[in-house]
Amino acid sequence: MTNLLVTGGLGFIGSEFVRQESGRKQFDRVYVLDSFTYAANLDSLDSALSNSNVEVIRGDINEPTLVDELVNKVDYVVNFAAESHVDNSILDVKPFLNANILGVATLLQAAKKHNIRRFVQISTDEVYGSINEGSFVETDKLNPRNPYSASKASAEYLCNSFENTYGLDVVITRTCNNYGPYQQFEKFIPTVIKALIEGRKIPVYGDGSQVREWIHVSDNCRAIAAVLENGKSGSIYNIGTARHIRNLDLARMILAELGLNESHLEFVPDRPGHDQRYSISSEKIMSELHWSPQVTFEEGLRETIAWYQERLAAH
C-alpha cells in the first residue's frame, strides 16, 4: 500500500478521480492539494471525505515548501491543477503561466528531489491544435493555438525534460472534452443547461460548426488510473471516444432532451482563434492498457442534464 497526491483535486475532473480512487482503496492515504479557486468545489468530495484515507489541504502548487512537504509523504503524484478556461486565457494569460507552467515546475522539482515512483501530468487534446479530418496520434507535432493550450504544451515539455534529464518516471495523458456532474458553469454543456433551465437563450459561438470529441468524466478518470498503474514510463496516452459532435448539434440535443425548440438558440460572435475541430486516436491506450469508454454519450448527457436540473432546483 502506498500514498497518492492529487493536485487540483477539488476541480471537476480531479474530484471524480479522487472519488474513484478513495472507493477503490488502492492507497493508504490520498492527499488532495487545491488552492480553492472559483473552480474548486468541496461538495464534490463529500462521498470521498467520508473515507478516512482522504485528506484535503488548502494550498497552491506554486508554494515550494508546502509542495515539498506533501510530495515527501507520497509515492505518486497526479497533477490536475490548472487554469483551464480558454476564454479566460485570452483575457489574461498570466494566471495560466503561473499555474500551468511554473506550478508544474515546482511539482516536478519536488518529485525529483524525493524520487517518487510516478508523476502523471494531465494534459489536453488542445495541444495538437485543430485538425480538419482524421485524428491526432501521440507522436504528432504539437500546435497549440490559444494561450491555454500553449501553457499546457509547455508543461508537457517540462515533464519530458525531467524524464530525459533526471530519469523521473513521468507519464502524460491528453484527453478530449469532458462532461458530467460538478463541471463549472463556464463550460459549454453546463452553460447550455443552466441557460435553458433559467429561461434564457443558449449562446452559440459563430455558426456552431466547431466539432469536439466528448468523454464522460468517469471514463476519463478510469483511463488515468490505468495509466497511473500500468502506463509505460515516458509515454503519452490520448484518451478519447471517437464521438465527434458539432457544438450546434450538441445544443440541439440538449434542447430536445428538455423538450424545447430552436428559438432558444442565440448565435454570438466567435471566439478569437477558435479551433474548428478536435479529434484524437485512442488506439494506444486501448491496445496497451485495455481501456475503453463505458458511458455512451446519450446516456451520459441525459444523466448530466438530470444532475444539473436537480442541483439548480435545490438552489
Protein backbone atom coordinates (compact mmCIF):
# COMPACT_ATOMS: atom_id res chain seq x y z
CA MET A 1 0.00 0.00 0.00
CA THR A 2 1.22 3.48 -0.90
CA ASN A 3 0.29 7.17 -0.75
CA LEU A 4 -1.01 9.41 -3.53
CA LEU A 5 -1.04 13.19 -4.02
CA VAL A 6 -3.77 14.58 -6.27
CA THR A 7 -3.32 18.26 -7.09
CA GLY A 8 -6.37 20.21 -8.22
CA GLY A 9 -8.48 17.51 -6.61
CA LEU A 10 -11.44 19.79 -5.93
CA GLY A 11 -11.87 20.57 -9.62
CA PHE A 12 -14.25 18.84 -11.99
CA ILE A 13 -12.01 16.03 -13.25
CA GLY A 14 -9.74 15.85 -10.22
CA SER A 15 -12.63 15.33 -7.81
CA GLU A 16 -14.01 12.46 -9.90
CA PHE A 17 -10.56 10.85 -9.83
CA VAL A 18 -10.39 11.22 -6.03
CA ARG A 19 -13.87 9.74 -5.62
CA GLN A 20 -12.89 6.74 -7.72
CA GLU A 21 -9.55 6.20 -6.00
CA SER A 22 -10.94 6.58 -2.49
CA GLY A 23 -13.56 3.97 -3.33
CA ARG A 24 -11.01 1.55 -4.78
CA LYS A 25 -8.82 1.88 -1.66
CA GLN A 26 -5.61 1.19 -3.57
CA PHE A 27 -3.73 3.77 -1.47
CA ASP A 28 -3.17 4.12 2.27
CA ARG A 29 -3.64 7.88 2.01
CA VAL A 30 -4.90 10.19 -0.73
CA TYR A 31 -3.76 13.78 -0.20
CA VAL A 32 -5.74 16.40 -2.13
CA LEU A 33 -3.98 19.72 -2.68
CA ASP A 34 -6.17 22.51 -4.03
CA SER A 35 -5.93 26.31 -3.99
CA PHE A 36 -9.72 26.72 -3.64
CA THR A 37 -10.14 28.94 -6.68
CA TYR A 38 -13.59 29.59 -8.19
CA ALA A 39 -13.29 26.20 -9.93
CA ALA A 40 -12.97 24.27 -6.66
CA ASN A 41 -15.98 22.54 -5.14
CA LEU A 42 -15.55 20.90 -1.74
CA ASP A 43 -19.03 19.38 -2.02
CA SER A 44 -17.75 17.26 -4.89
CA LEU A 45 -15.70 15.24 -2.39
CA ASP A 46 -18.47 14.61 0.17
CA SER A 47 -18.52 10.88 -0.56
CA ALA A 48 -14.72 10.60 -0.59
CA LEU A 49 -14.24 12.55 2.63
CA SER A 50 -16.39 10.01 4.44
CA ASN A 51 -13.39 7.70 3.97
CA SER A 52 -10.64 8.30 6.49
CA ASN A 53 -7.95 7.82 3.85
CA VAL A 54 -8.64 11.17 2.10
CA GLU A 55 -7.20 14.47 3.35
CA VAL A 56 -7.75 17.89 1.75
CA ILE A 57 -5.03 20.54 2.05
CA ARG A 58 -5.62 24.13 1.00
CA GLY A 59 -2.62 25.48 -0.85
CA ASP A 60 -1.05 26.32 -4.19
CA ILE A 61 1.27 24.19 -6.31
CA ASN A 62 3.47 27.29 -6.53
CA GLU A 63 4.23 27.10 -2.80
CA PRO A 64 7.57 25.21 -2.77
CA THR A 65 7.68 24.47 0.97
CA LEU A 66 4.16 23.05 1.08
CA VAL A 67 4.64 21.07 -2.13
CA ASP A 68 7.94 19.66 -0.86
CA GLU A 69 6.34 18.61 2.42
CA LEU A 70 3.47 16.82 0.69
CA VAL A 71 5.48 15.15 -2.06
CA ASN A 72 7.82 13.79 0.63
CA LYS A 73 4.83 11.84 2.03
CA VAL A 74 3.73 10.17 -1.18
CA ASP A 75 4.79 7.68 -3.81
CA TYR A 76 2.74 9.02 -6.72
CA VAL A 77 1.58 12.44 -7.95
CA VAL A 78 -1.29 13.08 -10.38
CA ASN A 79 -1.44 16.73 -11.42
CA PHE A 80 -4.87 18.05 -12.36
CA ALA A 81 -4.14 21.55 -11.03
CA ALA A 82 -4.55 24.06 -13.85
CA GLU A 83 -6.30 27.10 -15.16
CA SER A 84 -8.41 25.59 -17.93
CA HIS A 85 -10.95 28.02 -19.39
CA VAL A 86 -9.80 29.15 -22.84
CA ASP A 87 -11.84 32.37 -22.77
CA ASN A 88 -10.09 33.41 -19.53
CA SER A 89 -6.67 32.72 -21.06
CA ILE A 90 -7.49 35.05 -23.93
CA LEU A 91 -8.38 37.83 -21.48
CA ASP A 92 -5.35 37.35 -19.19
CA VAL A 93 -2.56 34.86 -19.80
CA LYS A 94 -0.62 35.40 -16.55
CA PRO A 95 -2.66 33.06 -14.28
CA PHE A 96 -2.21 30.32 -16.90
CA LEU A 97 1.55 30.76 -16.96
CA ASN A 98 1.70 30.67 -13.15
CA ALA A 99 -0.47 27.59 -12.67
CA ASN A 100 0.13 25.58 -15.81
CA ILE A 101 3.88 26.10 -16.23
CA LEU A 102 5.52 27.43 -13.06
CA GLY A 103 3.33 25.29 -10.81
CA VAL A 104 4.20 22.17 -12.79
CA ALA A 105 7.89 23.05 -12.46
CA THR A 106 7.51 23.28 -8.67
CA LEU A 107 5.84 19.86 -8.57
CA LEU A 108 8.45 18.27 -10.82
CA GLN A 109 11.33 19.62 -8.73
CA ALA A 110 9.81 18.12 -5.58
CA ALA A 111 9.08 14.84 -7.36
CA LYS A 112 12.72 14.63 -8.48
CA LYS A 113 14.05 15.51 -5.03
CA HIS A 114 12.01 12.81 -3.31
CA ASN A 115 12.37 10.24 -6.09
CA ILE A 116 8.68 9.45 -6.37
CA ARG A 117 7.60 6.38 -8.31
CA ARG A 118 5.48 8.13 -10.95
CA PHE A 119 4.30 11.61 -11.94
CA VAL A 120 1.18 11.80 -14.12
CA GLN A 121 0.59 15.09 -15.92
CA ILE A 122 -2.99 15.70 -17.06
CA SER A 123 -2.93 17.49 -20.40
CA THR A 124 -5.42 18.13 -23.19
CA ASP A 125 -6.10 17.34 -26.83
CA GLU A 126 -5.95 21.08 -27.46
CA VAL A 127 -2.13 20.95 -27.52
CA TYR A 128 -2.41 19.40 -31.00
CA GLY A 129 -4.43 22.28 -32.39
CA SER A 130 -7.18 21.85 -34.96
CA ILE A 131 -7.45 19.00 -37.47
CA ASN A 132 -9.78 19.12 -40.49
CA GLU A 133 -10.09 15.36 -40.89
CA GLY A 134 -8.69 12.23 -39.31
CA SER A 135 -7.34 12.05 -35.75
CA PHE A 136 -4.13 13.02 -33.99
CA VAL A 137 -1.84 10.32 -32.59
CA GLU A 138 0.55 10.76 -29.69
CA THR A 139 3.61 11.28 -31.91
CA ASP A 140 2.09 14.14 -33.93
CA LYS A 141 3.61 17.60 -33.71
CA LEU A 142 2.05 19.96 -31.17
CA ASN A 143 0.46 23.14 -32.48
CA PRO A 144 -1.28 24.95 -29.59
CA ARG A 145 -3.34 27.85 -30.89
CA ASN A 146 -4.53 29.71 -27.78
CA PRO A 147 -2.78 30.78 -24.53
CA TYR A 148 -4.36 27.96 -22.52
CA SER A 149 -3.23 25.17 -24.83
CA ALA A 150 0.20 26.80 -25.20
CA SER A 151 0.65 26.71 -21.43
CA LYS A 152 -0.36 23.03 -21.31
CA ALA A 153 2.04 22.18 -24.13
CA SER A 154 4.80 24.00 -22.26
CA ALA A 155 4.08 21.90 -19.17
CA GLU A 156 4.41 18.75 -21.26
CA TYR A 157 7.83 19.82 -22.49
CA LEU A 158 8.89 20.44 -18.89
CA CYS A 159 7.72 16.95 -17.94
CA ASN A 160 9.62 15.43 -20.86
CA SER A 161 12.76 17.28 -19.83
CA PHE A 162 12.61 15.90 -16.27
CA GLU A 163 12.14 12.39 -17.62
CA ASN A 164 15.07 12.76 -20.01
CA THR A 165 17.44 14.72 -17.76
CA TYR A 166 16.78 13.21 -14.34
CA GLY A 167 15.16 9.86 -15.11
CA LEU A 168 11.92 10.85 -13.39
CA ASP A 169 9.07 8.47 -14.23
CA VAL A 170 6.62 10.79 -15.99
CA VAL A 171 3.51 9.86 -17.98
CA ILE A 172 1.23 12.32 -19.79
CA THR A 173 -2.45 11.99 -20.67
CA ARG A 174 -4.18 14.05 -23.34
CA THR A 175 -7.93 13.89 -23.08
CA CYS A 176 -10.76 15.24 -25.19
CA ASN A 177 -13.66 17.37 -23.87
CA ASN A 178 -15.01 16.05 -20.57
CA TYR A 179 -18.58 16.36 -19.33
CA GLY A 180 -20.56 15.16 -16.34
CA PRO A 181 -21.64 16.22 -12.81
CA TYR A 182 -19.86 19.03 -10.92
CA GLN A 183 -18.49 20.76 -14.03
CA GLN A 184 -18.18 24.55 -13.77
CA PHE A 185 -20.94 26.57 -15.44
CA GLU A 186 -18.40 28.35 -17.67
CA LYS A 187 -18.05 25.17 -19.77
CA PHE A 188 -20.26 24.56 -22.79
CA ILE A 189 -22.64 21.81 -21.63
CA PRO A 190 -23.34 23.29 -18.16
CA THR A 191 -23.69 26.76 -19.72
CA VAL A 192 -26.35 25.49 -22.12
CA ILE A 193 -28.25 23.52 -19.47
CA LYS A 194 -28.23 26.39 -16.97
CA ALA A 195 -29.37 28.96 -19.55
CA LEU A 196 -32.31 26.80 -20.63
CA ILE A 197 -33.40 25.93 -17.10
CA GLU A 198 -33.32 29.64 -16.21
CA GLY A 199 -35.35 30.53 -19.30
CA ARG A 200 -32.52 32.20 -21.19
CA LYS A 201 -31.20 31.59 -24.70
CA ILE A 202 -28.23 29.35 -25.47
CA PRO A 203 -25.08 31.26 -26.50
CA VAL A 204 -23.51 29.52 -29.51
CA TYR A 205 -20.16 30.79 -30.83
CA GLY A 206 -20.13 31.71 -34.53
CA ASP A 207 -22.24 29.31 -36.59
CA GLY A 208 -21.83 26.45 -34.11
CA SER A 209 -19.98 24.28 -36.62
CA GLN A 210 -16.99 23.66 -34.33
CA VAL A 211 -16.51 19.92 -33.72
CA ARG A 212 -15.50 18.47 -30.37
CA GLU A 213 -14.86 14.93 -29.13
CA TRP A 214 -16.66 14.13 -25.86
CA ILE A 215 -15.92 11.77 -22.98
CA HIS A 216 -17.74 11.23 -19.68
CA VAL A 217 -15.52 12.29 -16.79
CA SER A 218 -15.82 8.86 -15.16
CA ASP A 219 -14.40 7.16 -18.25
CA ASN A 220 -11.52 9.63 -18.40
CA CYS A 221 -10.62 9.02 -14.76
CA ARG A 222 -10.68 5.25 -15.22
CA ALA A 223 -8.21 5.76 -18.06
CA ILE A 224 -5.98 7.96 -15.90
CA ALA A 225 -5.99 5.28 -13.19
CA ALA A 226 -4.91 2.71 -15.78
CA VAL A 227 -2.08 5.00 -16.90
CA LEU A 228 -1.01 5.60 -13.30
CA GLU A 229 -0.83 1.87 -12.60
CA ASN A 230 0.35 0.35 -15.86
CA GLY A 231 1.37 3.06 -18.32
CA LYS A 232 4.88 2.97 -19.75
CA SER A 233 7.34 5.44 -18.28
CA GLY A 234 7.90 8.43 -20.56
CA SER A 235 4.78 7.68 -22.58
CA ILE A 236 1.88 9.84 -23.68
CA TYR A 237 -1.67 8.49 -23.91
CA ASN A 238 -4.59 10.02 -25.77
CA ILE A 239 -7.92 9.46 -24.01
CA GLY A 240 -10.97 9.84 -26.25
CA THR A 241 -14.13 8.19 -27.51
CA ALA A 242 -14.23 8.93 -31.27
CA ARG A 243 -17.64 10.55 -30.61
CA HIS A 244 -17.50 13.84 -32.52
CA ILE A 245 -20.32 16.38 -32.30
CA ARG A 246 -20.77 19.88 -33.69
CA ASN A 247 -21.47 22.46 -30.97
CA LEU A 248 -24.73 23.39 -32.67
CA ASP A 249 -25.86 19.77 -32.81
CA LEU A 250 -24.98 19.31 -29.14
CA ALA A 251 -27.07 22.35 -28.24
CA ARG A 252 -29.94 20.86 -30.24
CA MET A 253 -29.57 17.53 -28.36
CA ILE A 254 -29.93 19.35 -25.04
CA LEU A 255 -32.92 21.30 -26.36
CA ALA A 256 -34.59 18.05 -27.39
CA GLU A 257 -33.90 16.43 -24.03
CA LEU A 258 -35.58 19.38 -22.30
CA GLY A 259 -38.47 19.46 -24.77
CA LEU A 260 -37.58 22.88 -26.19
CA ASN A 261 -37.29 24.23 -29.75
CA GLU A 262 -34.57 26.11 -31.57
CA SER A 263 -35.97 29.53 -30.77
CA HIS A 264 -33.79 29.27 -27.66
CA LEU A 265 -30.59 29.41 -29.74
CA GLU A 266 -28.62 32.65 -29.79
CA PHE A 267 -25.59 32.93 -32.07
CA VAL A 268 -22.84 35.16 -30.62
CA PRO A 269 -19.55 36.43 -32.12
CA ASP A 270 -16.98 33.66 -32.41
CA ARG A 271 -14.05 33.39 -30.03
CA PRO A 272 -10.71 34.72 -31.39
CA GLY A 273 -8.62 31.91 -32.88
CA HIS A 274 -11.35 29.35 -32.23
CA ASP A 275 -10.14 25.86 -33.23
CA GLN A 276 -12.55 24.22 -35.67
CA ARG A 277 -12.17 20.52 -34.97
CA TYR A 278 -10.52 18.32 -32.35
CA SER A 279 -10.04 14.59 -32.80
CA ILE A 280 -7.62 12.14 -31.20
CA SER A 281 -6.90 8.45 -31.70
CA SER A 282 -7.13 6.35 -28.53
CA GLU A 283 -5.79 3.17 -30.11
CA LYS A 284 -2.64 3.24 -27.98
CA ILE A 285 -4.33 3.21 -24.57
CA MET A 286 -6.92 0.72 -25.78
CA SER A 287 -4.31 -1.74 -27.03
CA GLU A 288 -1.65 -1.28 -24.34
CA LEU A 289 -3.82 -0.84 -21.24
CA HIS A 290 -7.06 -2.47 -22.41
CA TRP A 291 -9.13 0.58 -21.54
CA SER A 292 -12.30 1.57 -23.38
CA PRO A 293 -15.08 4.09 -22.63
CA GLN A 294 -18.15 2.63 -20.94
CA VAL A 295 -20.63 5.53 -20.89
CA THR A 296 -22.47 6.27 -24.14
CA PHE A 297 -22.82 9.97 -24.90
CA GLU A 298 -26.62 9.82 -24.99
CA GLU A 299 -26.80 8.09 -21.60
CA GLY A 300 -24.19 10.37 -20.05
CA LEU A 301 -25.82 13.53 -21.38
CA ARG A 302 -29.24 12.54 -20.01
CA GLU A 303 -27.75 11.83 -16.58
CA THR A 304 -25.77 15.08 -16.65
CA ILE A 305 -28.84 17.15 -17.54
CA ALA A 306 -30.81 15.47 -14.73
CA TRP A 307 -28.00 16.18 -12.26
CA TYR A 308 -27.94 19.89 -13.12
CA GLN A 309 -31.73 20.12 -13.02
CA GLU A 310 -31.72 18.72 -9.50
CA ARG A 311 -28.81 20.92 -8.40
CA LEU A 312 -30.33 24.14 -9.78
CA ALA A 313 -33.74 23.33 -8.31
CA ALA A 314 -32.12 22.95 -4.88
CA HIS A 315 -30.65 26.43 -5.14
